[in-house]
């Protein structure tokens, strides 16, 4: 079966939205922004915690995101949507893995410097 825009949009929310409307559509921009805006949280939470673990980082990030969504709902500022929570968590995951890779590379660099 050929992969067309309609088959992509049926299977994947993000790819379907972008392929149907394009990157410059406001819905696509909001979707991408929901991911990008929470990458820093995924980077910073492990740096703040004494003993960062994946589960602790994701639980703390989820708690912060849900708190933001509840505040939006109670104050009627912004829109409350489960898609926002999911996409924000994707951003946190990206940030967490960037942090993990960066920390690994820094440790390797430090060990190579002290040995050489």
PDB file of N, CA and C in Angstrom:
ATOM      1  N   UNK A   1       0.840  -1.181   0.000  1.00  0.00           N
ATOM      2  CA  UNK A   1       0.000   0.000   0.000  1.00  0.00           C
ATOM      3  C   UNK A   1       0.879   1.236   0.000  1.00  0.00           C
ATOM      4  N   UNK A   2       0.607   2.149  -0.891  1.00  0.00           N
ATOM      5  CA  UNK A   2       1.398   3.370  -0.988  1.00  0.00           C
ATOM      6  C   UNK A   2       1.121   4.273   0.208  1.00  0.00           C
ATOM      7  N   UNK A   3       2.145   4.976   0.620  1.00  0.00           N
ATOM      8  CA  UNK A   3       2.031   5.879   1.768  1.00  0.00           C
ATOM      9  C   UNK A   3       1.627   7.256   1.263  1.00  0.00           C
ATOM     10  N   UNK A   4       0.373   7.598   1.453  1.00  0.00           N
ATOM     11  CA  UNK A   4      -0.137   8.892   1.018  1.00  0.00           C
ATOM     12  C   UNK A   4      -0.450   9.739   2.234  1.00  0.00           C
ATOM     13  N   UNK A   5      -0.778  10.987   2.003  1.00  0.00           N
ATOM     14  CA  UNK A   5      -1.085  11.893   3.108  1.00  0.00           C
ATOM     15  C   UNK A   5      -2.280  11.403   3.916  1.00  0.00           C
ATOM     16  N   UNK A   6      -3.252  10.802   3.259  1.00  0.00           N
ATOM     17  CA  UNK A   6      -4.435  10.345   3.997  1.00  0.00           C
ATOM     18  C   UNK A   6      -4.110   9.146   4.882  1.00  0.00           C
ATOM     19  N   UNK A   7      -3.231   8.226   4.414  1.00  0.00           N
ATOM     20  CA  UNK A   7      -2.879   7.088   5.269  1.00  0.00           C
ATOM     21  C   UNK A   7      -1.991   7.526   6.413  1.00  0.00           C
ATOM     22  N   UNK A   8      -1.137   8.505   6.181  1.00  0.00           N
ATOM     23  CA  UNK A   8      -0.301   9.022   7.267  1.00  0.00           C
ATOM     24  C   UNK A   8      -1.182   9.697   8.311  1.00  0.00           C
ATOM     25  N   UNK A   9      -2.119  10.522   7.882  1.00  0.00           N
ATOM     26  CA  UNK A   9      -2.936  11.262   8.843  1.00  0.00           C
ATOM     27  C   UNK A   9      -3.825  10.335   9.664  1.00  0.00           C
ATOM     28  N   UNK A  10      -4.192   9.181   9.114  1.00  0.00           N
ATOM     29  CA  UNK A  10      -5.009   8.247   9.875  1.00  0.00           C
ATOM     30  C   UNK A  10      -4.202   7.564  10.977  1.00  0.00           C
ATOM     31  N   UNK A  11      -2.904   7.393  10.752  1.00  0.00           N
ATOM     32  CA  UNK A  11      -2.079   6.641  11.683  1.00  0.00           C
ATOM     33  C   UNK A  11      -1.300   7.512  12.662  1.00  0.00           C
ATOM     34  N   UNK A  12      -0.916   8.699  12.262  1.00  0.00           N
ATOM     35  CA  UNK A  12      -0.042   9.532  13.076  1.00  0.00           C
ATOM     36  C   UNK A  12      -0.604  10.938  13.202  1.00  0.00           C
ATOM     37  N   UNK A  13      -0.848  11.357  14.427  1.00  0.00           N
ATOM     38  CA  UNK A  13      -1.408  12.682  14.685  1.00  0.00           C
ATOM     39  C   UNK A  13      -0.506  13.786  14.158  1.00  0.00           C
ATOM     40  N   UNK A  14       0.760  13.752  14.526  1.00  0.00           N
ATOM     41  CA  UNK A  14       1.668  14.841  14.175  1.00  0.00           C
ATOM     42  C   UNK A  14       1.937  14.861  12.681  1.00  0.00           C
ATOM     43  N   UNK A  15       2.352  13.725  12.129  1.00  0.00           N
ATOM     44  CA  UNK A  15       2.653  13.680  10.697  1.00  0.00           C
ATOM     45  C   UNK A  15       1.412  13.969   9.862  1.00  0.00           C
ATOM     46  N   UNK A  16       0.269  13.492  10.312  1.00  0.00           N
ATOM     47  CA  UNK A  16      -0.974  13.734   9.583  1.00  0.00           C
ATOM     48  C   UNK A  16      -1.337  15.202   9.557  1.00  0.00           C
ATOM     49  N   UNK A  17      -1.191  15.865  10.704  1.00  0.00           N
ATOM     50  CA  UNK A  17      -1.522  17.282  10.778  1.00  0.00           C
ATOM     51  C   UNK A  17      -0.593  18.107   9.911  1.00  0.00           C
ATOM     52  N   UNK A  18       0.697  17.830  10.008  1.00  0.00           N
ATOM     53  CA  UNK A  18       1.668  18.597   9.233  1.00  0.00           C
ATOM     54  C   UNK A  18       1.525  18.318   7.745  1.00  0.00           C
ATOM     55  N   UNK A  19       1.303  17.059   7.361  1.00  0.00           N
ATOM     56  CA  UNK A  19       1.183  16.753   5.939  1.00  0.00           C
ATOM     57  C   UNK A  19      -0.103  17.317   5.345  1.00  0.00           C
ATOM     58  N   UNK A  20      -1.130  17.404   6.167  1.00  0.00           N
ATOM     59  CA  UNK A  20      -2.409  17.920   5.665  1.00  0.00           C
ATOM     60  C   UNK A  20      -2.393  19.443   5.555  1.00  0.00           C
ATOM     61  N   UNK A  21      -1.796  20.121   6.552  1.00  0.00           N
ATOM     62  CA  UNK A  21      -1.870  21.583   6.592  1.00  0.00           C
ATOM     63  C   UNK A  21      -0.554  22.280   6.276  1.00  0.00           C
ATOM     64  N   UNK A  22       0.568  21.621   6.418  1.00  0.00           N
ATOM     65  CA  UNK A  22       1.872  22.237   6.182  1.00  0.00           C
ATOM     66  C   UNK A  22       2.450  22.813   7.466  1.00  0.00           C
ATOM     67  N   UNK A  23       3.738  23.117   7.423  1.00  0.00           N
ATOM     68  CA  UNK A  23       4.432  23.609   8.613  1.00  0.00           C
ATOM     69  C   UNK A  23       3.992  25.013   9.030  1.00  0.00           C
ATOM     70  N   UNK A  24       3.491  25.803   8.089  1.00  0.00           N
ATOM     71  CA  UNK A  24       3.149  27.188   8.409  1.00  0.00           C
ATOM     72  C   UNK A  24       1.712  27.359   8.908  1.00  0.00           C
ATOM     73  N   UNK A  25       0.965  26.298   9.012  1.00  0.00           N
ATOM     74  CA  UNK A  25      -0.407  26.365   9.521  1.00  0.00           C
ATOM     75  C   UNK A  25      -0.360  26.576  11.041  1.00  0.00           C
ATOM     76  N   UNK A  26      -1.245  27.412  11.598  1.00  0.00           N
ATOM     77  CA  UNK A  26      -1.222  27.670  13.049  1.00  0.00           C
ATOM     78  C   UNK A  26      -1.320  26.410  13.913  1.00  0.00           C
ATOM     79  N   UNK A  27      -2.075  25.413  13.476  1.00  0.00           N
ATOM     80  CA  UNK A  27      -2.187  24.182  14.257  1.00  0.00           C
ATOM     81  C   UNK A  27      -0.869  23.420  14.275  1.00  0.00           C
ATOM     82  N   UNK A  28      -0.167  23.411  13.156  1.00  0.00           N
ATOM     83  CA  UNK A  28       1.140  22.747  13.093  1.00  0.00           C
ATOM     84  C   UNK A  28       2.155  23.474  13.953  1.00  0.00           C
ATOM     85  N   UNK A  29       2.105  24.793  13.920  1.00  0.00           N
ATOM     86  CA  UNK A  29       3.028  25.599  14.729  1.00  0.00           C
ATOM     87  C   UNK A  29       2.770  25.357  16.209  1.00  0.00           C
ATOM     88  N   UNK A  30       1.510  25.305  16.620  1.00  0.00           N
ATOM     89  CA  UNK A  30       1.170  25.060  18.027  1.00  0.00           C
ATOM     90  C   UNK A  30       1.619  23.670  18.453  1.00  0.00           C
ATOM     91  N   UNK A  31       1.461  22.707  17.574  1.00  0.00           N
ATOM     92  CA  UNK A  31       1.860  21.338  17.872  1.00  0.00           C
ATOM     93  C   UNK A  31       3.367  21.245  18.082  1.00  0.00           C
ATOM     94  N   UNK A  32       4.131  21.828  17.186  1.00  0.00           N
ATOM     95  CA  UNK A  32       5.589  21.803  17.297  1.00  0.00           C
ATOM     96  C   UNK A  32       6.045  22.613  18.510  1.00  0.00           C
ATOM     97  N   UNK A  33       5.385  23.744  18.765  1.00  0.00           N
ATOM     98  CA  UNK A  33       5.738  24.575  19.921  1.00  0.00           C
ATOM     99  C   UNK A  33       5.501  23.833  21.228  1.00  0.00           C
ATOM    100  N   UNK A  34       4.430  23.043  21.316  1.00  0.00           N
ATOM    101  CA  UNK A  34       4.158  22.265  22.527  1.00  0.00           C
ATOM    102  C   UNK A  34       5.295  21.297  22.833  1.00  0.00           C
ATOM    103  N   UNK A  35       5.959  20.815  21.823  1.00  0.00           N
ATOM    104  CA  UNK A  35       7.095  19.917  22.033  1.00  0.00           C
ATOM    105  C   UNK A  35       8.342  20.728  22.392  1.00  0.00           C
ATOM    106  N   UNK A  36       8.661  21.711  21.580  1.00  0.00           N
ATOM    107  CA  UNK A  36       9.910  22.468  21.741  1.00  0.00           C
ATOM    108  C   UNK A  36       9.964  23.228  23.067  1.00  0.00           C
ATOM    109  N   UNK A  37       8.837  23.780  23.498  1.00  0.00           N
ATOM    110  CA  UNK A  37       8.840  24.585  24.724  1.00  0.00           C
ATOM    111  C   UNK A  37       9.151  23.780  25.981  1.00  0.00           C
ATOM    112  N   UNK A  38       8.979  22.459  25.941  1.00  0.00           N
ATOM    113  CA  UNK A  38       9.233  21.656  27.134  1.00  0.00           C
ATOM    114  C   UNK A  38      10.529  20.850  27.065  1.00  0.00           C
ATOM    115  N   UNK A  39      11.302  21.021  26.009  1.00  0.00           N
ATOM    116  CA  UNK A  39      12.625  20.401  25.942  1.00  0.00           C
ATOM    117  C   UNK A  39      13.512  20.913  27.087  1.00  0.00           C
ATOM    118  N   UNK A  40      13.514  22.227  27.385  1.00  0.00           N
ATOM    119  CA  UNK A  40      14.344  22.698  28.509  1.00  0.00           C
ATOM    120  C   UNK A  40      13.993  22.045  29.850  1.00  0.00           C
ATOM    121  N   UNK A  41      12.729  21.737  30.069  1.00  0.00           N
ATOM    122  CA  UNK A  41      12.361  21.070  31.321  1.00  0.00           C
ATOM    123  C   UNK A  41      13.037  19.706  31.407  1.00  0.00           C
ATOM    124  N   UNK A  42      13.036  18.973  30.321  1.00  0.00           N
ATOM    125  CA  UNK A  42      13.694  17.674  30.303  1.00  0.00           C
ATOM    126  C   UNK A  42      15.198  17.773  30.497  1.00  0.00           C
ATOM    127  N   UNK A  43      15.769  18.911  30.107  1.00  0.00           N
ATOM    128  CA  UNK A  43      17.193  19.146  30.314  1.00  0.00           C
ATOM    129  C   UNK A  43      17.495  19.559  31.755  1.00  0.00           C
ATOM    130  N   UNK A  44      16.654  20.422  32.312  1.00  0.00           N
ATOM    131  CA  UNK A  44      16.956  21.021  33.609  1.00  0.00           C
ATOM    132  C   UNK A  44      16.569  20.168  34.808  1.00  0.00           C
ATOM    133  N   UNK A  45      15.478  19.440  34.723  1.00  0.00           N
ATOM    134  CA  UNK A  45      15.028  18.641  35.866  1.00  0.00           C
ATOM    135  C   UNK A  45      16.095  17.641  36.312  1.00  0.00           C
ATOM    136  N   UNK A  46      16.747  16.903  35.404  1.00  0.00           N
ATOM    137  CA  UNK A  46      17.798  15.990  35.869  1.00  0.00           C
ATOM    138  C   UNK A  46      18.996  16.715  36.494  1.00  0.00           C
ATOM    139  N   UNK A  47      19.255  17.941  36.048  1.00  0.00           N
ATOM    140  CA  UNK A  47      20.370  18.697  36.604  1.00  0.00           C
ATOM    141  C   UNK A  47      20.066  19.229  37.999  1.00  0.00           C
ATOM    142  N   UNK A  48      18.788  19.453  38.296  1.00  0.00           N
ATOM    143  CA  UNK A  48      18.375  19.972  39.600  1.00  0.00           C
ATOM    144  C   UNK A  48      18.324  18.861  40.644  1.00  0.00           C
ATOM    145  N   UNK A  49      17.908  17.669  40.230  1.00  0.00           N
ATOM    146  CA  UNK A  49      17.750  16.547  41.169  1.00  0.00           C
ATOM    147  C   UNK A  49      19.108  16.001  41.603  1.00  0.00           C
ATOM    148  N   UNK A  50      19.183  15.562  42.858  1.00  0.00           N
ATOM    149  CA  UNK A  50      20.434  14.969  43.350  1.00  0.00           C
ATOM    150  C   UNK A  50      20.739  13.646  42.672  1.00  0.00           C
ATOM    151  N   UNK A  51      19.748  12.788  42.612  1.00  0.00           N
ATOM    152  CA  UNK A  51      19.913  11.480  41.974  1.00  0.00           C
ATOM    153  C   UNK A  51      18.852  11.329  40.888  1.00  0.00           C
ATOM    154  N   UNK A  52      19.122  11.904  39.727  1.00  0.00           N
ATOM    155  CA  UNK A  52      18.096  11.860  38.674  1.00  0.00           C
ATOM    156  C   UNK A  52      17.941  10.461  38.086  1.00  0.00           C
ATOM    157  N   UNK A  53      16.718  10.031  38.004  1.00  0.00           N
ATOM    158  CA  UNK A  53      16.404   8.795  37.294  1.00  0.00           C
ATOM    159  C   UNK A  53      15.374   9.148  36.233  1.00  0.00           C
ATOM    160  N   UNK A  54      15.238   8.267  35.275  1.00  0.00           N
ATOM    161  CA  UNK A  54      14.262   8.500  34.214  1.00  0.00           C
ATOM    162  C   UNK A  54      12.858   8.638  34.793  1.00  0.00           C
ATOM    163  N   UNK A  55      12.483   7.706  35.666  1.00  0.00           N
ATOM    164  CA  UNK A  55      11.131   7.708  36.223  1.00  0.00           C
ATOM    165  C   UNK A  55      10.865   8.963  37.053  1.00  0.00           C
ATOM    166  N   UNK A  56      11.809   9.344  37.890  1.00  0.00           N
ATOM    167  CA  UNK A  56      11.634  10.539  38.721  1.00  0.00           C
ATOM    168  C   UNK A  56      11.531  11.799  37.860  1.00  0.00           C
ATOM    169  N   UNK A  57      12.375  11.886  36.853  1.00  0.00           N
ATOM    170  CA  UNK A  57      12.345  13.044  35.955  1.00  0.00           C
ATOM    171  C   UNK A  57      11.011  13.132  35.221  1.00  0.00           C
ATOM    172  N   UNK A  58      10.524  12.012  34.703  1.00  0.00           N
ATOM    173  CA  UNK A  58       9.269  12.026  33.961  1.00  0.00           C
ATOM    174  C   UNK A  58       8.072  12.286  34.880  1.00  0.00           C
ATOM    175  N   UNK A  59       8.090  11.731  36.096  1.00  0.00           N
ATOM    176  CA  UNK A  59       6.987  11.967  37.036  1.00  0.00           C
ATOM    177  C   UNK A  59       6.931  13.433  37.461  1.00  0.00           C
ATOM    178  N   UNK A  60       8.096  14.019  37.743  1.00  0.00           N
ATOM    179  CA  UNK A  60       8.132  15.427  38.126  1.00  0.00           C
ATOM    180  C   UNK A  60       7.689  16.312  36.963  1.00  0.00           C
ATOM    181  N   UNK A  61       8.149  15.998  35.772  1.00  0.00           N
ATOM    182  CA  UNK A  61       7.744  16.756  34.581  1.00  0.00           C
ATOM    183  C   UNK A  61       6.240  16.645  34.350  1.00  0.00           C
ATOM    184  N   UNK A  62       5.706  15.435  34.478  1.00  0.00           N
ATOM    185  CA  UNK A  62       4.264  15.231  34.302  1.00  0.00           C
ATOM    186  C   UNK A  62       3.477  16.017  35.345  1.00  0.00           C
ATOM    187  N   UNK A  63       3.950  16.014  36.575  1.00  0.00           N
ATOM    188  CA  UNK A  63       3.275  16.776  37.624  1.00  0.00           C
ATOM    189  C   UNK A  63       3.236  18.267  37.317  1.00  0.00           C
ATOM    190  N   UNK A  64       4.345  18.804  36.834  1.00  0.00           N
ATOM    191  CA  UNK A  64       4.398  20.226  36.475  1.00  0.00           C
ATOM    192  C   UNK A  64       3.469  20.517  35.307  1.00  0.00           C
ATOM    193  N   UNK A  65       3.482  19.659  34.293  1.00  0.00           N
ATOM    194  CA  UNK A  65       2.638  19.867  33.115  1.00  0.00           C
ATOM    195  C   UNK A  65       1.158  19.786  33.477  1.00  0.00           C
ATOM    196  N   UNK A  66       0.775  18.803  34.266  1.00  0.00           N
ATOM    197  CA  UNK A  66      -0.628  18.672  34.676  1.00  0.00           C
ATOM    198  C   UNK A  66      -1.046  19.880  35.522  1.00  0.00           C
ATOM    199  N   UNK A  67      -0.142  20.356  36.380  1.00  0.00           N
ATOM    200  CA  UNK A  67      -0.442  21.553  37.175  1.00  0.00           C
ATOM    201  C   UNK A  67      -0.707  22.753  36.268  1.00  0.00           C
ATOM    202  N   UNK A  68       0.110  22.920  35.247  1.00  0.00           N
ATOM    203  CA  UNK A  68      -0.088  24.011  34.285  1.00  0.00           C
ATOM    204  C   UNK A  68      -1.442  23.869  33.597  1.00  0.00           C
ATOM    205  N   UNK A  69      -1.803  22.666  33.186  1.00  0.00           N
ATOM    206  CA  UNK A  69      -3.080  22.435  32.504  1.00  0.00           C
ATOM    207  C   UNK A  69      -4.266  22.699  33.441  1.00  0.00           C
ATOM    208  N   UNK A  70      -4.143  22.306  34.702  1.00  0.00           N
ATOM    209  CA  UNK A  70      -5.222  22.557  35.671  1.00  0.00           C
ATOM    210  C   UNK A  70      -5.382  24.056  35.897  1.00  0.00           C
ATOM    211  N   UNK A  71      -4.272  24.772  36.023  1.00  0.00           N
ATOM    212  CA  UNK A  71      -4.341  26.227  36.197  1.00  0.00           C
ATOM    213  C   UNK A  71      -5.006  26.868  34.983  1.00  0.00           C
ATOM    214  N   UNK A  72      -4.664  26.399  33.776  1.00  0.00           N
ATOM    215  CA  UNK A  72      -5.308  26.922  32.569  1.00  0.00           C
ATOM    216  C   UNK A  72      -6.806  26.671  32.591  1.00  0.00           C
ATOM    217  N   UNK A  73      -7.214  25.504  33.069  1.00  0.00           N
ATOM    218  CA  UNK A  73      -8.636  25.162  33.103  1.00  0.00           C
ATOM    219  C   UNK A  73      -9.384  25.998  34.141  1.00  0.00           C
ATOM    220  N   UNK A  74      -8.802  26.133  35.319  1.00  0.00           N
ATOM    221  CA  UNK A  74      -9.462  26.860  36.406  1.00  0.00           C
ATOM    222  C   UNK A  74      -9.572  28.351  36.095  1.00  0.00           C
ATOM    223  N   UNK A  75      -8.520  28.916  35.510  1.00  0.00           N
ATOM    224  CA  UNK A  75      -8.506  30.357  35.251  1.00  0.00           C
ATOM    225  C   UNK A  75      -9.073  30.730  33.882  1.00  0.00           C
ATOM    226  N   UNK A  76      -9.413  29.735  33.074  1.00  0.00           N
ATOM    227  CA  UNK A  76      -9.900  29.970  31.706  1.00  0.00           C
ATOM    228  C   UNK A  76      -8.890  30.737  30.852  1.00  0.00           C
ATOM    229  N   UNK A  77      -7.615  30.533  31.141  1.00  0.00           N
ATOM    230  CA  UNK A  77      -6.552  31.114  30.324  1.00  0.00           C
ATOM    231  C   UNK A  77      -5.937  29.993  29.508  1.00  0.00           C
ATOM    232  N   UNK A  78      -5.995  30.094  28.221  1.00  0.00           N
ATOM    233  CA  UNK A  78      -5.498  29.014  27.374  1.00  0.00           C
ATOM    234  C   UNK A  78      -6.532  27.905  27.272  1.00  0.00           C
ATOM    235  N   UNK A  79      -6.122  26.827  26.653  1.00  0.00           N
ATOM    236  CA  UNK A  79      -7.035  25.694  26.498  1.00  0.00           C
ATOM    237  C   UNK A  79      -6.423  24.467  27.173  1.00  0.00           C
ATOM    238  N   UNK A  80      -7.274  23.681  27.804  1.00  0.00           N
ATOM    239  CA  UNK A  80      -6.845  22.456  28.459  1.00  0.00           C
ATOM    240  C   UNK A  80      -7.121  21.298  27.519  1.00  0.00           C
ATOM    241  N   UNK A  81      -6.068  20.527  27.233  1.00  0.00           N
ATOM    242  CA  UNK A  81      -6.215  19.446  26.264  1.00  0.00           C
ATOM    243  C   UNK A  81      -5.210  18.341  26.583  1.00  0.00           C
ATOM    244  N   UNK A  82      -5.628  17.106  26.485  1.00  0.00           N
ATOM    245  CA  UNK A  82      -4.743  15.978  26.751  1.00  0.00           C
ATOM    246  C   UNK A  82      -3.623  15.914  25.718  1.00  0.00           C
ATOM    247  N   UNK A  83      -3.888  16.391  24.505  1.00  0.00           N
ATOM    248  CA  UNK A  83      -2.835  16.430  23.488  1.00  0.00           C
ATOM    249  C   UNK A  83      -1.670  17.299  23.936  1.00  0.00           C
ATOM    250  N   UNK A  84      -1.977  18.404  24.630  1.00  0.00           N
ATOM    251  CA  UNK A  84      -0.921  19.272  25.149  1.00  0.00           C
ATOM    252  C   UNK A  84      -0.045  18.520  26.141  1.00  0.00           C
ATOM    253  N   UNK A  85      -0.667  17.752  27.017  1.00  0.00           N
ATOM    254  CA  UNK A  85       0.091  16.986  28.015  1.00  0.00           C
ATOM    255  C   UNK A  85       1.001  15.979  27.312  1.00  0.00           C
ATOM    256  N   UNK A  86       0.467  15.271  26.339  1.00  0.00           N
ATOM    257  CA  UNK A  86       1.242  14.259  25.624  1.00  0.00           C
ATOM    258  C   UNK A  86       2.414  14.905  24.882  1.00  0.00           C
ATOM    259  N   UNK A  87       2.142  15.985  24.160  1.00  0.00           N
ATOM    260  CA  UNK A  87       3.193  16.642  23.389  1.00  0.00           C
ATOM    261  C   UNK A  87       4.230  17.298  24.300  1.00  0.00           C
ATOM    262  N   UNK A  88       3.796  17.859  25.427  1.00  0.00           N
ATOM    263  CA  UNK A  88       4.736  18.425  26.390  1.00  0.00           C
ATOM    264  C   UNK A  88       5.651  17.347  26.951  1.00  0.00           C
ATOM    265  N   UNK A  89       5.089  16.168  27.218  1.00  0.00           N
ATOM    266  CA  UNK A  89       5.901  15.057  27.715  1.00  0.00           C
ATOM    267  C   UNK A  89       6.902  14.583  26.652  1.00  0.00           C
ATOM    268  N   UNK A  90       6.516  14.633  25.386  1.00  0.00           N
ATOM    269  CA  UNK A  90       7.451  14.294  24.311  1.00  0.00           C
ATOM    270  C   UNK A  90       8.633  15.270  24.343  1.00  0.00           C
ATOM    271  N   UNK A  91       8.338  16.545  24.540  1.00  0.00           N
ATOM    272  CA  UNK A  91       9.407  17.543  24.664  1.00  0.00           C
ATOM    273  C   UNK A  91      10.317  17.252  25.839  1.00  0.00           C
ATOM    274  N   UNK A  92       9.739  16.865  26.970  1.00  0.00           N
ATOM    275  CA  UNK A  92      10.542  16.512  28.148  1.00  0.00           C
ATOM    276  C   UNK A  92      11.409  15.289  27.869  1.00  0.00           C
ATOM    277  N   UNK A  93      10.859  14.313  27.168  1.00  0.00           N
ATOM    278  CA  UNK A  93      11.645  13.125  26.792  1.00  0.00           C
ATOM    279  C   UNK A  93      12.835  13.494  25.918  1.00  0.00           C
ATOM    280  N   UNK A  94      12.607  14.348  24.946  1.00  0.00           N
ATOM    281  CA  UNK A  94      13.689  14.787  24.067  1.00  0.00           C
ATOM    282  C   UNK A  94      14.770  15.484  24.901  1.00  0.00           C
ATOM    283  N   UNK A  95      14.342  16.397  25.773  1.00  0.00           N
ATOM    284  CA  UNK A  95      15.296  17.103  26.619  1.00  0.00           C
ATOM    285  C   UNK A  95      16.057  16.176  27.545  1.00  0.00           C
ATOM    286  N   UNK A  96      15.367  15.183  28.105  1.00  0.00           N
ATOM    287  CA  UNK A  96      16.018  14.229  29.007  1.00  0.00           C
ATOM    288  C   UNK A  96      17.106  13.452  28.267  1.00  0.00           C
ATOM    289  N   UNK A  97      16.795  12.983  27.064  1.00  0.00           N
ATOM    290  CA  UNK A  97      17.784  12.211  26.319  1.00  0.00           C
ATOM    291  C   UNK A  97      18.940  13.082  25.837  1.00  0.00           C
ATOM    292  N   UNK A  98      18.681  14.339  25.512  1.00  0.00           N
ATOM    293  CA  UNK A  98      19.769  15.264  25.171  1.00  0.00           C
ATOM    294  C   UNK A  98      20.674  15.458  26.389  1.00  0.00           C
ATOM    295  N   UNK A  99      20.071  15.608  27.563  1.00  0.00           N
ATOM    296  CA  UNK A  99      20.837  15.747  28.801  1.00  0.00           C
ATOM    297  C   UNK A  99      21.664  14.498  29.074  1.00  0.00           C
ATOM    298  N   UNK A 100      21.053  13.345  28.916  1.00  0.00           N
ATOM    299  CA  UNK A 100      21.738  12.076  29.157  1.00  0.00           C
ATOM    300  C   UNK A 100      22.933  11.908  28.219  1.00  0.00           C
ATOM    301  N   UNK A 101      22.738  12.186  26.951  1.00  0.00           N
ATOM    302  CA  UNK A 101      23.821  12.086  25.971  1.00  0.00           C
ATOM    303  C   UNK A 101      24.921  13.098  26.287  1.00  0.00           C
ATOM    304  N   UNK A 102      24.524  14.320  26.625  1.00  0.00           N
ATOM    305  CA  UNK A 102      25.511  15.359  26.949  1.00  0.00           C
ATOM    306  C   UNK A 102      26.342  14.980  28.160  1.00  0.00           C
ATOM    307  N   UNK A 103      25.688  14.475  29.204  1.00  0.00           N
ATOM    308  CA  UNK A 103      26.410  14.077  30.416  1.00  0.00           C
ATOM    309  C   UNK A 103      27.374  12.925  30.126  1.00  0.00           C
ATOM    310  N   UNK A 104      26.963  11.988  29.290  1.00  0.00           N
ATOM    311  CA  UNK A 104      27.828  10.868  28.916  1.00  0.00           C
ATOM    312  C   UNK A 104      29.044  11.358  28.147  1.00  0.00           C
ATOM    313  N   UNK A 105      28.831  12.278  27.201  1.00  0.00           N
ATOM    314  CA  UNK A 105      29.943  12.815  26.414  1.00  0.00           C
ATOM    315  C   UNK A 105      30.896  13.628  27.287  1.00  0.00           C
ATOM    316  N   UNK A 106      30.368  14.380  28.244  1.00  0.00           N
ATOM    317  CA  UNK A 106      31.211  15.162  29.149  1.00  0.00           C
ATOM    318  C   UNK A 106      32.064  14.247  30.015  1.00  0.00           C
ATOM    319  N   UNK A 107      31.464  13.172  30.536  1.00  0.00           N
ATOM    320  CA  UNK A 107      32.227  12.224  31.356  1.00  0.00           C
ATOM    321  C   UNK A 107      33.324  11.548  30.545  1.00  0.00           C
ATOM    322  N   UNK A 108      33.024  11.175  29.294  1.00  0.00           N
ATOM    323  CA  UNK A 108      34.039  10.561  28.436  1.00  0.00           C
ATOM    324  C   UNK A 108      35.165  11.545  28.144  1.00  0.00           C
ATOM    325  N   UNK A 109      34.801  12.797  27.902  1.00  0.00           N
ATOM    326  CA  UNK A 109      35.790  13.827  27.623  1.00  0.00           C
ATOM    327  C   UNK A 109      36.692  14.069  28.838  1.00  0.00           C
ATOM    328  N   UNK A 110      36.083  14.108  30.017  1.00  0.00           N
ATOM    329  CA  UNK A 110      36.860  14.313  31.240  1.00  0.00           C
ATOM    330  C   UNK A 110      37.797  13.145  31.505  1.00  0.00           C
ATOM    331  N   UNK A 111      37.320  11.924  31.293  1.00  0.00           N
ATOM    332  CA  UNK A 111      38.175  10.767  31.535  1.00  0.00           C
ATOM    333  C   UNK A 111      39.309  10.686  30.510  1.00  0.00           C
ATOM    334  N   UNK A 112      39.059  11.087  29.285  1.00  0.00           N
ATOM    335  CA  UNK A 112      40.097  11.103  28.267  1.00  0.00           C
ATOM    336  C   UNK A 112      41.137  12.176  28.571  1.00  0.00           C
ATOM    337  N   UNK A 113      40.706  13.295  29.133  1.00  0.00           N
ATOM    338  CA  UNK A 113      41.611  14.375  29.471  1.00  0.00           C
ATOM    339  C   UNK A 113      42.529  14.002  30.631  1.00  0.00           C
ATOM    340  N   UNK A 114      41.966  13.341  31.641  1.00  0.00           N
ATOM    341  CA  UNK A 114      42.769  12.957  32.800  1.00  0.00           C
ATOM    342  C   UNK A 114      43.723  11.809  32.478  1.00  0.00           C
ATOM    343  N   UNK A 115      43.358  10.961  31.530  1.00  0.00           N
ATOM    344  CA  UNK A 115      44.225   9.828  31.171  1.00  0.00           C
ATOM    345  C   UNK A 115      45.341  10.271  30.219  1.00  0.00           C
ATOM    346  N   UNK A 116      45.078  11.283  29.395  1.00  0.00           N
ATOM    347  CA  UNK A 116      46.015  11.694  28.352  1.00  0.00           C
ATOM    348  C   UNK A 116      46.894  12.747  28.813  1.00  0.00           C
TER     349      UNK A 116
END
